[in-house]
Amino acid sequence: MDSAAKDEQPAHVKHLAAFLIRHHSDQLHSIALSQDPKLHFPLYVNFAELMDDDPPLSHLVFSQPTEYLRFFDEAAVWAHKVILGDLNGSNKGIKKEFIHVRINISGSPLECPETFPSIGRVRVKHRGILLTLKGTVIRSGAIKMYEGERKYMCQKCKHEFLVYPELESRNSIKLPSYCPSQRSKPCEGTKFGHLEGSITCHDYQEIKIQESTHVLGVGAIPRSIPVILKDDLVDIVKAGDDVIVTGILTAKWSPDLKDVRCDLDPILIANYVRRTNELKSEIDIPDDAIMKFKQFWSNFKDTPLKGRNAILRGICPQIFGLFTVKLAVALTLIGGVQHNDASGTKVRGESHLLLVGDPGTGKSQFLKFAAKLSNRSVITTGLGSTSAGLTVTAVKDGGEWMLEAGALVLADGGLCCIDEFDSMREHDRATIHEAMEQQTISVAKAGLVTTLSTKTIVFGATNPKGQYDPDQSLSVNTALSGPLLSRFDIVLVLLDTKNPEWDGVVSSHILSEGEPDKGKQDEDLANIWPFPMLRRYIHFVKGYFRPVLTREAEIVISSYYQLQRRSATGNAARTTVRMLESLIRLAQAHARLMFRNEVTRLDAITAILCIESSMTTSAIVDSVGNALHSNFTENPDLEYATQERLILEKLRSFDDFPDANSRR
């Protein structure tokens, strides 16, 4: 590059270019070696690094981002030409016209509430500064092209200059009132001519992000804001993604509609976008909490099921008993291990749970408690969900079709609690099958064709249609199709049958809840786990353990599956294939719950007991009873020995099955 070209650059551009060459020469080298000269290339800069190198310059970038981010882009192109000059000897580098500096504020002082507010707290004072917002993408528009900057020439002094469109006035071009040349003697020319072929076109996409519902208080309405993505930022996020967006807050005129007032709507022009899907379920687990977990299981080494029940008592402690339901909720939240084979076929690790029961049996209480245990959750009802329903829909916004994410997409990576599950919309019933099993939603609506991720635990609750009839199938009692019911790993039926002894125990428990001493949190983990510790434990075992099946567990599960296949006929025979996958998931989840990395016979038999509690399978082992009246026993390890003996007697018909009295 010749010296005359260097001198044309303003001093601040040279200063920014020098910073880029010093600290980001590796990125500049990789851009120079790229083969496509027409692409828009990002160059990532950490704001904290810029602050350490040049505090006054970093303040200008923060306070005047519209001008200085533009200067930064010019400096990046200039620095690229310098690097390209060094590579000329090898003839490897190719000149690039479009390089955009992307500012990452992570780890810098800009991560404070003033410059990183929630979307609902964005105000006029944030306009014109480098602002960062966090939210979930609820809409994603089509990628369009718009005319960006264009070059004009002064008719008097022949000075060439760029003019940028104004977003506030719908990308209209506003020419300066006089010539902007920086000469010692002002030109003051007022006539300008457009240079042919100087228009630069940009990719353009508009998305809408909404603040996460789990960080809002009760009664708070989640706010949203449109975000404009340009050039290399387009199409890197989709509906349901969690994102952190750094950009410039501005405003644009709302569309002209008859008899509707035209207002300025806030909008964020993105400079940097970071997907945080991998951080969706981050919960802080200190080392002392992990030591407590290990010490807890060391204390219950000889009576492990008694320790497990102490954990389960912490789930919905205000509801008496319901041991089977609490065990099912824990196993569902923990889940199994996802399996991917060599062909790319995926078997989900997430479990699904459906509670079918009479009114007043605590179904909604369990839904709300499970949502609090999960770090990312969406609670909705079959009919009371968003206009997108439970899955996804195409909506028209300002004359353009956009995808709007539903509850399952917004809960990606977490838990979706659906009350009144039987009242789903028709289009949800058609698409929820794929969402629950393949954990994706394939969309082909209004010309928008895509696939969205729904790696979600589904926890549903519904009332039976009228009086529950035990002689009829579950599909008839709930008005849910057999294929949909087969996607639930556990379906528990809670019938409020008359039981005087049970009614007396429950009434005593409810009355004792009002006593003053009952409100105190018991820190003794051997009795009942407090909510914060329970939440940390579920998250820890879910991320730390990846249990594998032992030989004895495989034999138990395989024998039970074959026994089910022998007794099943018709549609039931086809659904037991999913039941086998459910058994494996539940056994792995129980191993995680027991703080282990291997699935033993105990885990396999517990998974069988959970499946037997489900009314979607034939009760080969009739030893469970009504799930509503299941209670915590004084000696669960002794009770398990009895249940194990009953199940093994049923399975002993298989030649390869070990003796029932063999060591666990």
Foldseek 3Di string as FASTA:
>chain_A
DDPVVVVVQDPVLQVLLVVCCVPPVVVLVVQQLDDDQAAAAEGEDELQVVCVVPVVLSVCCFQAVVPVQVSNFVSSLVSSVVSVVVCVVVVRTDRHDHYGYFYDHPPHPCPDCVQEPEPVPDDPVQARGWHKYWFFWFKKFDKDKDWFKFWKAFPQPRDIDIWGFDQQAPRDTDDDQADPDPDPDGPRGRDIGTDPPRIDMKIKIKIKGWHAPLVDDPPDDIDIAIEMEIGPRPPPDHGQWIKMFIFGKDWYWDDDDPPDDIDTGIYGYGRDMDTCLVVQQDDDDDPVLVVVVVVLCVVCVPALVLLLVQALCQQPVLAAFLSLVSLVLLLQQLFADWDADPVGDIWARHAEEEEEEDPPLCQVVNLVSSQVLTSAEAEEEQPGWDPLGAAWDWDADPNGIMIGGTRLSNRAPIEYEYEQNLNHDPVCLVFVLCCLTVQWGFDCPPNDTDIGGRSYHYYYYHYFDPDDDPVDAPCNRRVRDPSVVLSHLFYAYAYPDDDVVLVVVRVVSNVCCPDPVNVDDDVPSSRHHHSVSSSSLSVCLSPPANAEEDPQLVLLLVLVLVVQCVPDDDPLNVSSVSNSVSLNTQQRSVCSSSVHRYRDNLSSLVSVLRSLSGSSGDNPPPDNPHSSSHGDDPRVVVVSLVSLVSSCVVSVVDPPNDDSPDDD
